[in-house]
Amino acid sequence: MALFAAPPVSAYCTNPEGRRDDYVSGVFGRTCGNLTGVPRDIPAGAHTVSLYGNQITHLPANAFSHLHLCGRLNLASNNMTTIELGAFNGLYSLFYMDLEDNRLGTLDSRVLMNLPRPLQLRPSNPDREDQPWSCDTLCWMKQEEQQGSITWYNARPRCHLPHHWHTLQCKQEGIANKVMT
């Protein structure tokens, strides 16, 4: 089973064989456990890191700062609510990040600012109504999508009403983008 195409936590992590603690050929996986933070022992040479299905609710600054070769990062299904500025510092090779099945209502543009582009994101599960984003705070992401510097793995973010991602129109004011009213 591929690390990034895993079935929902309920199907994957309840299997007694589901919990994984691996490092093989540059792929690090510590999935379906009770991690509450990013492990410090992830090898610097890891090119794929999966922390799927844990209990990581907060990412502090510099959580991945030593992972310069990491191209794929899976943080899905952690009930994550906050990501500090600088959490992704050091991920110079990142091209794919999975944030599906978390509790992020928004994402500050500065959190992803230093990541390479193009960046492919898997932001939320389009079939789960309990995980909507506050898209009026994501105009910066809409602009990057239009420029092709951010692409989506499975679907665009699911938004709170009244704005839907496909109808979200933003205007630029200085550095920050605002929703057009």
Protein backbone atom coordinates (compact mmCIF):
# COMPACT_ATOMS: atom_id res chain seq x y z
CA MET A 1 0.00 0.00 0.00
CA ALA A 2 1.41 3.41 -0.96
CA LEU A 3 2.09 5.89 1.84
CA PHE A 4 0.15 8.71 0.16
CA ALA A 5 -2.89 6.84 -1.13
CA ALA A 6 -3.92 5.38 2.21
CA PRO A 7 -7.58 4.65 2.95
CA PRO A 8 -9.38 6.60 5.71
CA VAL A 9 -7.97 6.26 9.23
CA SER A 10 -10.96 4.22 10.35
CA ALA A 11 -10.14 1.52 7.79
CA TYR A 12 -6.36 1.75 7.92
CA CYS A 13 -5.44 2.42 11.55
CA THR A 14 -7.85 0.03 13.23
CA ASN A 15 -6.09 -2.86 11.54
CA PRO A 16 -3.61 -4.31 14.07
CA GLU A 17 -1.07 -4.37 11.25
CA GLY A 18 -1.80 -0.70 10.41
CA ARG A 19 0.67 0.98 12.79
CA ARG A 20 3.99 1.41 11.08
CA ASP A 21 7.42 2.42 12.21
CA ASP A 22 9.66 2.24 9.17
CA TYR A 23 12.67 3.73 7.49
CA VAL A 24 13.52 1.98 4.26
CA SER A 25 15.29 3.45 1.22
CA GLY A 26 14.67 7.08 2.16
CA VAL A 27 11.02 6.60 3.17
CA PHE A 28 10.23 7.33 6.82
CA GLY A 29 6.86 6.31 8.22
CA ARG A 30 5.52 6.51 11.72
CA THR A 31 1.81 6.11 11.13
CA CYS A 32 -1.33 5.18 13.06
CA GLY A 33 0.20 5.83 16.44
CA ASN A 34 -0.16 8.24 19.29
CA LEU A 35 2.48 10.78 18.32
CA THR A 36 1.58 14.23 19.62
CA GLY A 37 4.55 15.95 17.98
CA VAL A 38 6.96 15.53 15.09
CA PRO A 39 9.58 12.91 16.02
CA ARG A 40 13.14 14.21 16.38
CA ASP A 41 14.66 11.01 15.00
CA ILE A 42 13.52 11.34 11.38
CA PRO A 43 16.70 10.70 9.35
CA ALA A 44 18.00 13.77 7.51
CA GLY A 45 18.20 11.74 4.29
CA ALA A 46 14.47 10.94 4.21
CA HIS A 47 12.89 11.94 0.91
CA THR A 48 9.38 10.85 1.94
CA VAL A 49 7.93 11.34 5.43
CA SER A 50 4.54 10.00 6.51
CA LEU A 51 3.13 10.85 9.93
CA TYR A 52 -0.38 9.83 8.90
CA GLY A 53 -2.98 8.94 11.53
CA ASN A 54 -1.36 10.24 14.70
CA GLN A 55 -2.43 12.90 17.22
CA ILE A 56 -0.28 15.83 16.06
CA THR A 57 -2.56 18.82 16.63
CA HIS A 58 0.10 21.56 16.42
CA LEU A 59 3.22 22.04 14.29
CA PRO A 60 5.84 24.29 15.91
CA ALA A 61 8.39 26.39 14.04
CA ASN A 62 11.30 24.38 12.58
CA ALA A 63 9.51 21.04 13.01
CA PHE A 64 11.15 19.72 9.82
CA SER A 65 14.20 22.01 9.57
CA HIS A 66 16.72 19.18 9.04
CA LEU A 67 14.79 17.47 6.22
CA HIS A 68 16.32 19.28 3.24
CA LEU A 69 15.81 16.28 0.89
CA CYS A 70 12.17 15.60 1.79
CA GLY A 71 9.96 15.91 -1.28
CA ARG A 72 6.75 14.32 0.04
CA LEU A 73 5.21 15.05 3.45
CA ASN A 74 2.05 13.32 4.69
CA LEU A 75 0.42 14.94 7.72
CA ALA A 76 -3.10 13.65 7.01
CA SER A 77 -5.49 12.53 9.75
CA ASN A 78 -3.87 14.17 12.76
CA ASN A 79 -6.70 16.51 13.87
CA MET A 80 -4.21 19.35 13.38
CA THR A 81 -5.56 22.78 14.30
CA THR A 82 -2.51 25.08 14.09
CA ILE A 83 0.68 25.41 12.11
CA GLU A 84 3.20 27.96 13.36
CA LEU A 85 5.08 30.27 11.04
CA GLY A 86 8.34 28.55 10.11
CA ALA A 87 7.02 25.01 10.71
CA PHE A 88 8.15 24.01 7.22
CA ASN A 89 11.53 25.75 7.31
CA GLY A 90 14.22 23.59 5.73
CA LEU A 91 11.95 21.63 3.38
CA TYR A 92 13.83 22.85 0.31
CA SER A 93 12.87 19.88 -1.88
CA LEU A 94 9.17 19.62 -0.97
CA PHE A 95 6.79 19.26 -3.91
CA TYR A 96 3.81 17.46 -2.28
CA MET A 97 2.08 17.91 1.08
CA ASP A 98 -1.00 16.08 2.37
CA LEU A 99 -3.04 17.97 4.99
CA GLU A 100 -6.27 16.02 4.49
CA ASP A 101 -8.48 15.10 7.46
CA ASN A 102 -7.22 17.76 9.82
CA ARG A 103 -9.00 20.62 11.58
CA LEU A 104 -7.31 23.54 9.84
CA GLY A 105 -9.89 26.24 9.14
CA THR A 106 -7.39 28.51 7.43
CA LEU A 107 -3.75 28.70 6.53
CA ASP A 108 -1.67 31.85 6.81
CA SER A 109 0.18 32.54 3.54
CA ARG A 110 3.43 32.97 5.47
CA VAL A 111 3.31 29.31 6.61
CA LEU A 112 4.03 28.10 3.06
CA MET A 113 6.00 31.16 1.96
CA ASN A 114 9.47 29.59 1.87
CA LEU A 115 8.44 26.29 0.29
CA PRO A 116 9.44 25.60 -3.31
CA ARG A 117 6.92 26.08 -6.09
CA PRO A 118 5.10 24.48 -7.76
CA LEU A 119 3.66 22.79 -4.70
CA GLN A 120 0.94 20.15 -4.87
CA LEU A 121 -1.40 20.22 -1.87
CA ARG A 122 -4.03 17.84 -0.65
CA PRO A 123 -5.91 20.32 1.57
CA SER A 124 -9.09 18.62 2.74
CA ASN A 125 -11.40 15.78 1.99
CA PRO A 126 -14.13 17.06 -0.37
CA ASP A 127 -16.51 14.40 0.94
CA ARG A 128 -16.27 15.50 4.59
CA GLU A 129 -18.54 18.39 5.46
CA ASP A 130 -16.99 18.74 8.93
CA GLN A 131 -13.65 19.97 7.52
CA PRO A 132 -14.42 23.18 5.64
CA TRP A 133 -11.89 25.98 5.23
CA SER A 134 -12.60 29.64 5.79
CA CYS A 135 -11.87 30.54 2.19
CA ASP A 136 -12.27 34.27 2.67
CA THR A 137 -8.85 34.08 4.38
CA LEU A 138 -7.32 32.03 1.54
CA CYS A 139 -7.29 34.57 -1.29
CA TRP A 140 -3.49 34.27 -1.40
CA MET A 141 -3.92 30.55 -2.18
CA LYS A 142 -6.50 31.26 -4.90
CA GLN A 143 -4.02 33.66 -6.52
CA GLU A 144 -1.25 31.04 -6.41
CA GLU A 145 -3.63 28.48 -7.94
CA GLN A 146 -4.35 30.89 -10.80
CA GLN A 147 -0.60 31.38 -11.34
CA GLY A 148 -0.01 27.61 -11.31
CA SER A 149 2.34 27.69 -8.32
CA ILE A 150 -0.10 25.65 -6.18
CA THR A 151 -1.98 22.67 -7.59
CA TRP A 152 -4.40 20.27 -5.92
CA TYR A 153 -3.99 16.54 -5.49
CA ASN A 154 -7.62 15.45 -5.22
CA ALA A 155 -9.81 18.55 -4.95
CA ARG A 156 -9.76 22.20 -4.08
CA PRO A 157 -10.49 23.27 -0.50
CA ARG A 158 -14.08 22.83 0.72
CA CYS A 159 -15.25 26.21 2.01
CA HIS A 160 -17.67 27.60 4.54
CA LEU A 161 -20.63 29.34 2.98
CA PRO A 162 -21.21 31.94 1.55
CA HIS A 163 -18.01 31.61 -0.49
CA HIS A 164 -17.27 28.49 -2.48
CA TRP A 165 -13.74 27.99 -3.75
CA HIS A 166 -14.79 28.05 -7.41
CA THR A 167 -16.70 31.34 -6.97
CA LEU A 168 -14.21 33.01 -4.62
CA GLN A 169 -13.09 36.29 -6.16
CA CYS A 170 -10.27 38.21 -4.60
CA LYS A 171 -8.68 41.59 -5.14
CA GLN A 172 -5.12 42.40 -4.25
CA GLU A 173 -4.39 45.19 -1.79
CA GLY A 174 -0.68 45.51 -1.13
CA ILE A 175 0.67 42.15 0.01
CA ALA A 176 -2.59 40.84 1.47
CA ASN A 177 -5.50 39.68 -0.69
CA LYS A 178 -9.08 40.48 0.28
CA VAL A 179 -12.39 38.95 -0.74
CA MET A 180 -14.27 41.11 -3.24
CA THR A 181 -17.57 42.30 -1.82
